[in-house]
Amino acid sequence: MDIDLLLAIAHHLAVFTLVGILAAEFALLRPGLAGGRITQLARIDAAYGGVATLVILVGVLRVIFGASGWEYYVANYAFWAKMVAFLVMGLLTIQPTIAIRRWAKAGRGEAGYAPPAGEIAASRRFIHLQAGILVLIPIFAAAMARGYGVS
């Protein structure tokens, strides 16, 4: 097996894992969130950050060591569009992550703690936006795989 194939497999598995974690976060972050679910949500959110980091690391390795060569990527506007979409997703995680950490901290001192409904709704909007941006990433990836984006 060559390194390009191994890196592609690792990258795809990490991306699919990231999507699954985002779905789990979306399912838990809803009205009525309280108690142990907040702790569970905080763990899922932490995993989301960890897997996103893995996606980036493996992606960088693909750019450097992949069969296409780094020159293909740096000159490809579909690649840069994909990177911008991933960056926007990352920026959209900031508000929910801060809120979830604050709720988890508040919940440690009070077993029946429930976040305010308005804060949950605001964080859900950010998760919705992330999901909307996420749709763009495989579109740009498919374009790249077919040679689109090169000048």
N, C-alpha and C. Protein backbone atom coordinates (compact mmCIF):
# COMPACT_ATOMS: atom_id res chain seq x y z
N MET A 1 0.84 -1.18 0.00
CA MET A 1 0.00 0.00 0.00
C MET A 1 0.88 1.24 0.00
N ASP A 2 0.48 2.24 -0.77
CA ASP A 2 1.30 3.44 -0.81
C ASP A 2 0.80 4.48 0.19
N ILE A 3 1.65 5.45 0.46
CA ILE A 3 1.36 6.48 1.46
C ILE A 3 0.16 7.32 1.06
N ASP A 4 -0.01 7.58 -0.24
CA ASP A 4 -1.14 8.38 -0.71
C ASP A 4 -2.47 7.71 -0.35
N LEU A 5 -2.56 6.42 -0.57
CA LEU A 5 -3.77 5.68 -0.24
C LEU A 5 -4.02 5.69 1.27
N LEU A 6 -2.99 5.43 2.04
CA LEU A 6 -3.15 5.43 3.50
C LEU A 6 -3.59 6.80 4.04
N LEU A 7 -3.00 7.85 3.50
CA LEU A 7 -3.39 9.18 3.93
C LEU A 7 -4.82 9.51 3.50
N ALA A 8 -5.21 9.10 2.31
CA ALA A 8 -6.58 9.33 1.84
C ALA A 8 -7.58 8.60 2.74
N ILE A 9 -7.28 7.36 3.08
CA ILE A 9 -8.15 6.57 3.97
C ILE A 9 -8.26 7.25 5.33
N ALA A 10 -7.13 7.64 5.90
CA ALA A 10 -7.13 8.29 7.22
C ALA A 10 -7.91 9.60 7.16
N HIS A 11 -7.72 10.36 6.11
CA HIS A 11 -8.40 11.65 5.99
C HIS A 11 -9.92 11.46 5.88
N HIS A 12 -10.33 10.53 5.03
CA HIS A 12 -11.76 10.28 4.87
C HIS A 12 -12.39 9.75 6.16
N LEU A 13 -11.72 8.84 6.83
CA LEU A 13 -12.26 8.33 8.09
C LEU A 13 -12.38 9.43 9.14
N ALA A 14 -11.39 10.30 9.20
CA ALA A 14 -11.43 11.41 10.15
C ALA A 14 -12.58 12.38 9.82
N VAL A 15 -12.76 12.66 8.54
CA VAL A 15 -13.84 13.56 8.13
C VAL A 15 -15.20 12.95 8.46
N PHE A 16 -15.38 11.67 8.16
CA PHE A 16 -16.66 11.02 8.46
C PHE A 16 -16.91 10.97 9.96
N THR A 17 -15.87 10.78 10.73
CA THR A 17 -15.98 10.81 12.19
C THR A 17 -16.40 12.20 12.65
N LEU A 18 -15.81 13.21 12.07
CA LEU A 18 -16.15 14.59 12.41
C LEU A 18 -17.63 14.87 12.13
N VAL A 19 -18.13 14.40 11.00
CA VAL A 19 -19.53 14.59 10.65
C VAL A 19 -20.43 13.87 11.66
N GLY A 20 -20.05 12.67 12.05
CA GLY A 20 -20.82 11.93 13.05
C GLY A 20 -20.86 12.63 14.40
N ILE A 21 -19.73 13.19 14.80
CA ILE A 21 -19.67 13.92 16.07
C ILE A 21 -20.52 15.19 15.99
N LEU A 22 -20.47 15.88 14.86
CA LEU A 22 -21.31 17.07 14.69
C LEU A 22 -22.78 16.69 14.79
N ALA A 23 -23.16 15.57 14.22
CA ALA A 23 -24.55 15.10 14.31
C ALA A 23 -24.93 14.78 15.75
N ALA A 24 -24.02 14.16 16.49
CA ALA A 24 -24.29 13.85 17.90
C ALA A 24 -24.44 15.14 18.70
N GLU A 25 -23.59 16.10 18.43
CA GLU A 25 -23.67 17.38 19.13
C GLU A 25 -25.00 18.07 18.81
N PHE A 26 -25.39 18.02 17.56
CA PHE A 26 -26.65 18.62 17.15
C PHE A 26 -27.83 17.94 17.85
N ALA A 27 -27.77 16.62 17.98
CA ALA A 27 -28.86 15.87 18.61
C ALA A 27 -28.97 16.19 20.11
N LEU A 28 -27.85 16.38 20.78
CA LEU A 28 -27.87 16.66 22.22
C LEU A 28 -28.18 18.12 22.54
N LEU A 29 -27.77 19.01 21.70
CA LEU A 29 -27.92 20.45 21.95
C LEU A 29 -29.32 20.87 21.53
N ARG A 30 -30.25 20.71 22.46
CA ARG A 30 -31.65 21.02 22.18
C ARG A 30 -32.35 21.46 23.46
N PRO A 31 -33.53 22.04 23.32
CA PRO A 31 -34.25 22.45 24.52
C PRO A 31 -34.42 21.28 25.49
N GLY A 32 -34.30 21.59 26.77
CA GLY A 32 -34.41 20.55 27.80
C GLY A 32 -33.06 20.00 28.23
N LEU A 33 -31.99 20.49 27.63
CA LEU A 33 -30.65 20.05 28.00
C LEU A 33 -30.40 20.34 29.48
N ALA A 34 -30.00 19.32 30.21
CA ALA A 34 -29.74 19.50 31.65
C ALA A 34 -28.96 18.31 32.18
N GLY A 35 -28.45 18.48 33.41
CA GLY A 35 -27.80 17.40 34.14
C GLY A 35 -26.65 16.75 33.41
N GLY A 36 -26.67 15.42 33.41
CA GLY A 36 -25.58 14.63 32.82
C GLY A 36 -25.44 14.81 31.32
N ARG A 37 -26.51 15.23 30.66
CA ARG A 37 -26.42 15.47 29.21
C ARG A 37 -25.47 16.62 28.89
N ILE A 38 -25.37 17.57 29.81
CA ILE A 38 -24.42 18.68 29.59
C ILE A 38 -23.00 18.15 29.60
N THR A 39 -22.68 17.28 30.55
CA THR A 39 -21.35 16.68 30.62
C THR A 39 -21.08 15.86 29.36
N GLN A 40 -22.06 15.10 28.93
CA GLN A 40 -21.92 14.30 27.71
C GLN A 40 -21.68 15.21 26.51
N LEU A 41 -22.43 16.29 26.43
CA LEU A 41 -22.26 17.24 25.33
C LEU A 41 -20.88 17.87 25.36
N ALA A 42 -20.38 18.19 26.56
CA ALA A 42 -19.04 18.78 26.68
C ALA A 42 -17.98 17.79 26.18
N ARG A 43 -18.14 16.52 26.48
CA ARG A 43 -17.18 15.51 25.99
C ARG A 43 -17.24 15.38 24.48
N ILE A 44 -18.45 15.39 23.94
CA ILE A 44 -18.61 15.30 22.49
C ILE A 44 -18.00 16.52 21.82
N ASP A 45 -18.21 17.70 22.40
CA ASP A 45 -17.64 18.92 21.84
C ASP A 45 -16.12 18.88 21.86
N ALA A 46 -15.56 18.35 22.94
CA ALA A 46 -14.10 18.21 23.02
C ALA A 46 -13.60 17.23 21.95
N ALA A 47 -14.34 16.14 21.75
CA ALA A 47 -13.97 15.18 20.71
C ALA A 47 -14.05 15.83 19.33
N TYR A 48 -15.03 16.68 19.14
CA TYR A 48 -15.17 17.40 17.87
C TYR A 48 -13.91 18.21 17.58
N GLY A 49 -13.43 18.93 18.58
CA GLY A 49 -12.20 19.70 18.40
C GLY A 49 -11.01 18.82 18.12
N GLY A 50 -10.91 17.70 18.83
CA GLY A 50 -9.80 16.78 18.62
C GLY A 50 -9.81 16.17 17.24
N VAL A 51 -10.97 15.75 16.79
CA VAL A 51 -11.06 15.13 15.46
C VAL A 51 -10.86 16.18 14.37
N ALA A 52 -11.33 17.40 14.58
CA ALA A 52 -11.07 18.47 13.61
C ALA A 52 -9.57 18.70 13.46
N THR A 53 -8.87 18.66 14.58
CA THR A 53 -7.41 18.80 14.54
C THR A 53 -6.78 17.65 13.76
N LEU A 54 -7.28 16.44 13.97
CA LEU A 54 -6.79 15.28 13.22
C LEU A 54 -7.04 15.44 11.72
N VAL A 55 -8.22 15.93 11.36
CA VAL A 55 -8.54 16.17 9.95
C VAL A 55 -7.50 17.12 9.34
N ILE A 56 -7.19 18.19 10.08
CA ILE A 56 -6.21 19.17 9.58
C ILE A 56 -4.83 18.54 9.44
N LEU A 57 -4.39 17.81 10.47
CA LEU A 57 -3.06 17.21 10.43
C LEU A 57 -2.92 16.22 9.28
N VAL A 58 -3.89 15.35 9.13
CA VAL A 58 -3.82 14.36 8.04
C VAL A 58 -3.94 15.07 6.70
N GLY A 59 -4.76 16.11 6.64
CA GLY A 59 -4.87 16.87 5.40
C GLY A 59 -3.56 17.52 5.00
N VAL A 60 -2.86 18.08 5.97
CA VAL A 60 -1.54 18.68 5.68
C VAL A 60 -0.58 17.60 5.18
N LEU A 61 -0.61 16.44 5.81
CA LEU A 61 0.25 15.34 5.36
C LEU A 61 -0.10 14.92 3.94
N ARG A 62 -1.39 14.94 3.59
CA ARG A 62 -1.79 14.61 2.21
C ARG A 62 -1.24 15.63 1.23
N VAL A 63 -1.28 16.90 1.60
CA VAL A 63 -0.77 17.95 0.72
C VAL A 63 0.73 17.75 0.50
N ILE A 64 1.44 17.45 1.58
CA ILE A 64 2.90 17.33 1.49
C ILE A 64 3.34 16.03 0.83
N PHE A 65 2.74 14.90 1.25
CA PHE A 65 3.22 13.59 0.82
C PHE A 65 2.31 12.88 -0.18
N GLY A 66 1.17 13.47 -0.51
CA GLY A 66 0.22 12.83 -1.42
C GLY A 66 0.72 12.80 -2.85
N ALA A 67 0.07 12.00 -3.66
CA ALA A 67 0.49 11.78 -5.04
C ALA A 67 0.36 13.03 -5.91
N SER A 68 -0.58 13.91 -5.57
CA SER A 68 -0.78 15.11 -6.40
C SER A 68 0.32 16.13 -6.23
N GLY A 69 0.97 16.12 -5.09
CA GLY A 69 2.02 17.10 -4.82
C GLY A 69 1.44 18.41 -4.33
N TRP A 70 2.18 19.09 -3.50
CA TRP A 70 1.70 20.33 -2.90
C TRP A 70 1.42 21.40 -3.94
N GLU A 71 2.12 21.36 -5.07
CA GLU A 71 1.95 22.36 -6.11
C GLU A 71 0.52 22.36 -6.66
N TYR A 72 -0.06 21.15 -6.76
CA TYR A 72 -1.44 21.02 -7.24
C TYR A 72 -2.40 21.75 -6.30
N TYR A 73 -2.19 21.58 -5.01
CA TYR A 73 -3.11 22.16 -4.03
C TYR A 73 -2.99 23.68 -3.94
N VAL A 74 -1.78 24.19 -3.87
CA VAL A 74 -1.63 25.65 -3.67
C VAL A 74 -2.12 26.45 -4.87
N ALA A 75 -2.20 25.84 -6.03
CA ALA A 75 -2.66 26.54 -7.23
C ALA A 75 -4.13 26.25 -7.54
N ASN A 76 -4.82 25.55 -6.67
CA ASN A 76 -6.17 25.09 -6.95
C ASN A 76 -7.20 25.89 -6.15
N TYR A 77 -8.05 26.64 -6.85
CA TYR A 77 -9.03 27.46 -6.14
C TYR A 77 -10.10 26.62 -5.46
N ALA A 78 -10.40 25.43 -5.93
CA ALA A 78 -11.36 24.56 -5.26
C ALA A 78 -10.79 24.11 -3.90
N PHE A 79 -9.48 23.86 -3.85
CA PHE A 79 -8.83 23.52 -2.58
C PHE A 79 -8.96 24.68 -1.61
N TRP A 80 -8.69 25.88 -2.06
CA TRP A 80 -8.75 27.04 -1.17
C TRP A 80 -10.18 27.33 -0.74
N ALA A 81 -11.14 27.08 -1.62
CA ALA A 81 -12.55 27.24 -1.23
C ALA A 81 -12.90 26.23 -0.13
N LYS A 82 -12.39 25.02 -0.27
CA LYS A 82 -12.60 23.99 0.75
C LYS A 82 -11.96 24.41 2.07
N MET A 83 -10.77 24.97 2.00
CA MET A 83 -10.09 25.42 3.22
C MET A 83 -10.85 26.57 3.89
N VAL A 84 -11.37 27.48 3.09
CA VAL A 84 -12.15 28.59 3.65
C VAL A 84 -13.41 28.05 4.32
N ALA A 85 -14.08 27.10 3.68
CA ALA A 85 -15.28 26.50 4.27
C ALA A 85 -14.94 25.82 5.61
N PHE A 86 -13.83 25.11 5.65
CA PHE A 86 -13.42 24.45 6.90
C PHE A 86 -13.09 25.49 7.97
N LEU A 87 -12.43 26.56 7.57
CA LEU A 87 -12.11 27.64 8.51
C LEU A 87 -13.39 28.28 9.06
N VAL A 88 -14.34 28.54 8.20
CA VAL A 88 -15.62 29.11 8.64
C VAL A 88 -16.30 28.16 9.62
N MET A 89 -16.29 26.87 9.31
CA MET A 89 -16.84 25.90 10.26
C MET A 89 -16.15 26.01 11.61
N GLY A 90 -14.83 26.11 11.58
CA GLY A 90 -14.06 26.24 12.83
C GLY A 90 -14.45 27.48 13.60
N LEU A 91 -14.61 28.58 12.91
CA LEU A 91 -15.01 29.82 13.58
C LEU A 91 -16.42 29.71 14.16
N LEU A 92 -17.28 28.99 13.47
CA LEU A 92 -18.65 28.81 13.96
C LEU A 92 -18.73 27.90 15.19
N THR A 93 -17.66 27.17 15.48
CA THR A 93 -17.67 26.30 16.67
C THR A 93 -17.35 27.08 17.94
N ILE A 94 -16.81 28.27 17.79
CA ILE A 94 -16.35 29.01 18.97
C ILE A 94 -17.49 29.31 19.95
N GLN A 95 -18.57 29.89 19.46
CA GLN A 95 -19.67 30.25 20.35
C GLN A 95 -20.26 29.04 21.07
N PRO A 96 -20.61 27.96 20.35
CA PRO A 96 -21.17 26.81 21.07
C PRO A 96 -20.18 26.19 22.06
N THR A 97 -18.91 26.14 21.70
CA THR A 97 -17.91 25.56 22.60
C THR A 97 -17.80 26.37 23.89
N ILE A 98 -17.75 27.68 23.76
CA ILE A 98 -17.67 28.53 24.96
C ILE A 98 -18.92 28.33 25.82
N ALA A 99 -20.08 28.31 25.18
CA ALA A 99 -21.33 28.12 25.93
C ALA A 99 -21.36 26.76 26.62
N ILE A 100 -20.99 25.71 25.92
CA ILE A 100 -21.01 24.36 26.48
C ILE A 100 -20.06 24.26 27.66
N ARG A 101 -18.89 24.83 27.55
CA ARG A 101 -17.93 24.81 28.67
C ARG A 101 -18.49 25.57 29.88
N ARG A 102 -19.13 26.71 29.61
CA ARG A 102 -19.72 27.48 30.70
C ARG A 102 -20.85 26.69 31.38
N TRP A 103 -21.67 26.02 30.58
CA TRP A 103 -22.76 25.22 31.13
C TRP A 103 -22.23 24.04 31.94
N ALA A 104 -21.18 23.39 31.42
CA ALA A 104 -20.60 22.25 32.15
C ALA A 104 -20.04 22.70 33.49
N LYS A 105 -19.40 23.85 33.50
CA LYS A 105 -18.85 24.37 34.76
C LYS A 105 -19.97 24.71 35.73
N ALA A 106 -21.01 25.34 35.25
CA ALA A 106 -22.15 25.68 36.11
C ALA A 106 -22.86 24.43 36.61
N GLY A 107 -22.91 23.41 35.77
CA GLY A 107 -23.58 22.16 36.14
C GLY A 107 -22.84 21.35 37.17
N ARG A 108 -21.53 21.55 37.29
CA ARG A 108 -20.75 20.82 38.30
C ARG A 108 -21.19 21.19 39.72
N GLY A 109 -21.56 22.42 39.91
CA GLY A 109 -21.94 22.88 41.24
C GLY A 109 -23.41 22.71 41.54
N GLU A 110 -24.20 22.39 40.53
CA GLU A 110 -25.64 22.31 40.70
C GLU A 110 -26.20 21.17 39.85
N ALA A 111 -26.64 20.11 40.47
CA ALA A 111 -27.08 18.90 39.77
C ALA A 111 -28.25 19.16 38.82
N GLY A 112 -29.14 20.05 39.18
CA GLY A 112 -30.32 20.30 38.35
C GLY A 112 -30.16 21.45 37.39
N TYR A 113 -28.93 21.87 37.15
CA TYR A 113 -28.69 23.03 36.29
C TYR A 113 -29.17 22.74 34.87
N ALA A 114 -29.83 23.73 34.29
CA ALA A 114 -30.23 23.69 32.88
C ALA A 114 -29.88 25.04 32.27
N PRO A 115 -29.21 25.03 31.14
CA PRO A 115 -28.87 26.30 30.49
C PRO A 115 -30.13 27.06 30.06
N PRO A 116 -30.04 28.36 30.00
CA PRO A 116 -31.19 29.15 29.52
C PRO A 116 -31.56 28.75 28.09
N ALA A 117 -32.86 28.70 27.84
CA ALA A 117 -33.36 28.27 26.52
C ALA A 117 -32.81 29.16 25.40
N GLY A 118 -32.67 30.46 25.66
CA GLY A 118 -32.14 31.36 24.64
C GLY A 118 -30.71 31.04 24.26
N GLU A 119 -29.90 30.64 25.23
CA GLU A 119 -28.51 30.27 24.95
C GLU A 119 -28.44 28.98 24.14
N ILE A 120 -29.31 28.04 24.48
CA ILE A 120 -29.36 26.78 23.71
C ILE A 120 -29.76 27.08 22.27
N ALA A 121 -30.78 27.91 22.09
CA ALA A 121 -31.23 28.26 20.74
C ALA A 121 -30.13 28.96 19.94
N ALA A 122 -29.41 29.87 20.59
CA ALA A 122 -28.32 30.57 19.90
C ALA A 122 -27.23 29.60 19.48
N SER A 123 -26.87 28.68 20.35
CA SER A 123 -25.84 27.69 20.02
C SER A 123 -26.30 26.76 18.92
N ARG A 124 -27.57 26.39 18.94
CA ARG A 124 -28.11 25.53 17.86
C ARG A 124 -28.01 26.23 16.51
N ARG A 125 -28.24 27.54 16.49
CA ARG A 125 -28.12 28.26 15.22
C ARG A 125 -26.71 28.13 14.65
N PHE A 126 -25.71 28.21 15.52
CA PHE A 126 -24.32 28.05 15.06
C PHE A 126 -24.08 26.63 14.53
N ILE A 127 -24.67 25.64 15.17
CA ILE A 127 -24.53 24.25 14.69
C ILE A 127 -25.22 24.11 13.33
N HIS A 128 -26.40 24.72 13.18
CA HIS A 128 -27.07 24.70 11.87
C HIS A 128 -26.20 25.32 10.79
N LEU A 129 -25.59 26.45 11.11
CA LEU A 129 -24.72 27.11 10.14
C LEU A 129 -23.52 26.23 9.78
N GLN A 130 -22.96 25.56 10.79
CA GLN A 130 -21.84 24.65 10.52
C GLN A 130 -22.27 23.56 9.55
N ALA A 131 -23.45 22.99 9.79
CA ALA A 131 -23.94 21.93 8.90
C ALA A 131 -24.13 22.45 7.48
N GLY A 132 -24.62 23.68 7.36
CA GLY A 132 -24.78 24.26 6.03
C GLY A 132 -23.46 24.46 5.31
N ILE A 133 -22.46 24.92 6.02
CA ILE A 133 -21.13 25.10 5.43
C ILE A 133 -20.49 23.74 5.12
N LEU A 134 -20.73 22.77 5.98
CA LEU A 134 -20.18 21.43 5.79
C LEU A 134 -20.58 20.85 4.44
N VAL A 135 -21.76 21.15 3.98
CA VAL A 135 -22.23 20.65 2.68
C VAL A 135 -21.31 21.09 1.55
N LEU A 136 -20.71 22.25 1.69
CA LEU A 136 -19.83 22.76 0.64
C LEU A 136 -18.52 21.99 0.52
N ILE A 137 -18.05 21.44 1.62
CA ILE A 137 -16.73 20.80 1.63
C ILE A 137 -16.65 19.61 0.68
N PRO A 138 -17.58 18.65 0.71
CA PRO A 138 -17.47 17.56 -0.27
C PRO A 138 -17.71 18.02 -1.71
N ILE A 139 -18.46 19.11 -1.88
CA ILE A 139 -18.64 19.65 -3.23
C ILE A 139 -17.30 20.13 -3.78
N PHE A 140 -16.57 20.90 -2.97
CA PHE A 140 -15.25 21.38 -3.40
C PHE A 140 -14.27 20.21 -3.55
N ALA A 141 -14.36 19.22 -2.67
CA ALA A 141 -13.46 18.06 -2.75
C ALA A 141 -13.72 17.27 -4.03
N ALA A 142 -14.99 17.09 -4.38
CA ALA A 142 -15.32 16.37 -5.62
C ALA A 142 -14.82 17.14 -6.84
N ALA A 143 -14.94 18.46 -6.80
CA ALA A 143 -14.43 19.29 -7.89
C ALA A 143 -12.92 19.12 -8.02
N MET A 144 -12.22 19.16 -6.88
CA MET A 144 -10.76 18.98 -6.89
C MET A 144 -10.38 17.63 -7.47
N ALA A 145 -11.09 16.59 -7.05
CA ALA A 145 -10.75 15.23 -7.49
C ALA A 145 -10.92 15.05 -8.99
N ARG A 146 -11.72 15.93 -9.60
CA ARG A 146 -11.95 15.84 -11.03
C ARG A 146 -11.16 16.88 -11.82
N GLY A 147 -10.22 17.53 -11.14
CA GLY A 147 -9.34 18.46 -11.82
C GLY A 147 -9.85 19.88 -11.92
N TYR A 148 -11.01 20.18 -11.35
CA TYR A 148 -11.50 21.55 -11.36
C TYR A 148 -10.70 22.37 -10.37
N GLY A 149 -10.58 23.63 -10.62
CA GLY A 149 -9.92 24.52 -9.69
C GLY A 149 -8.50 24.89 -10.07
N VAL A 150 -7.96 24.22 -11.07
CA VAL A 150 -6.60 24.56 -11.49
C VAL A 150 -6.68 25.60 -12.59
N SER A 151 -5.79 26.55 -12.52
CA SER A 151 -5.79 27.65 -13.50
C SER A 151 -5.26 27.21 -14.84
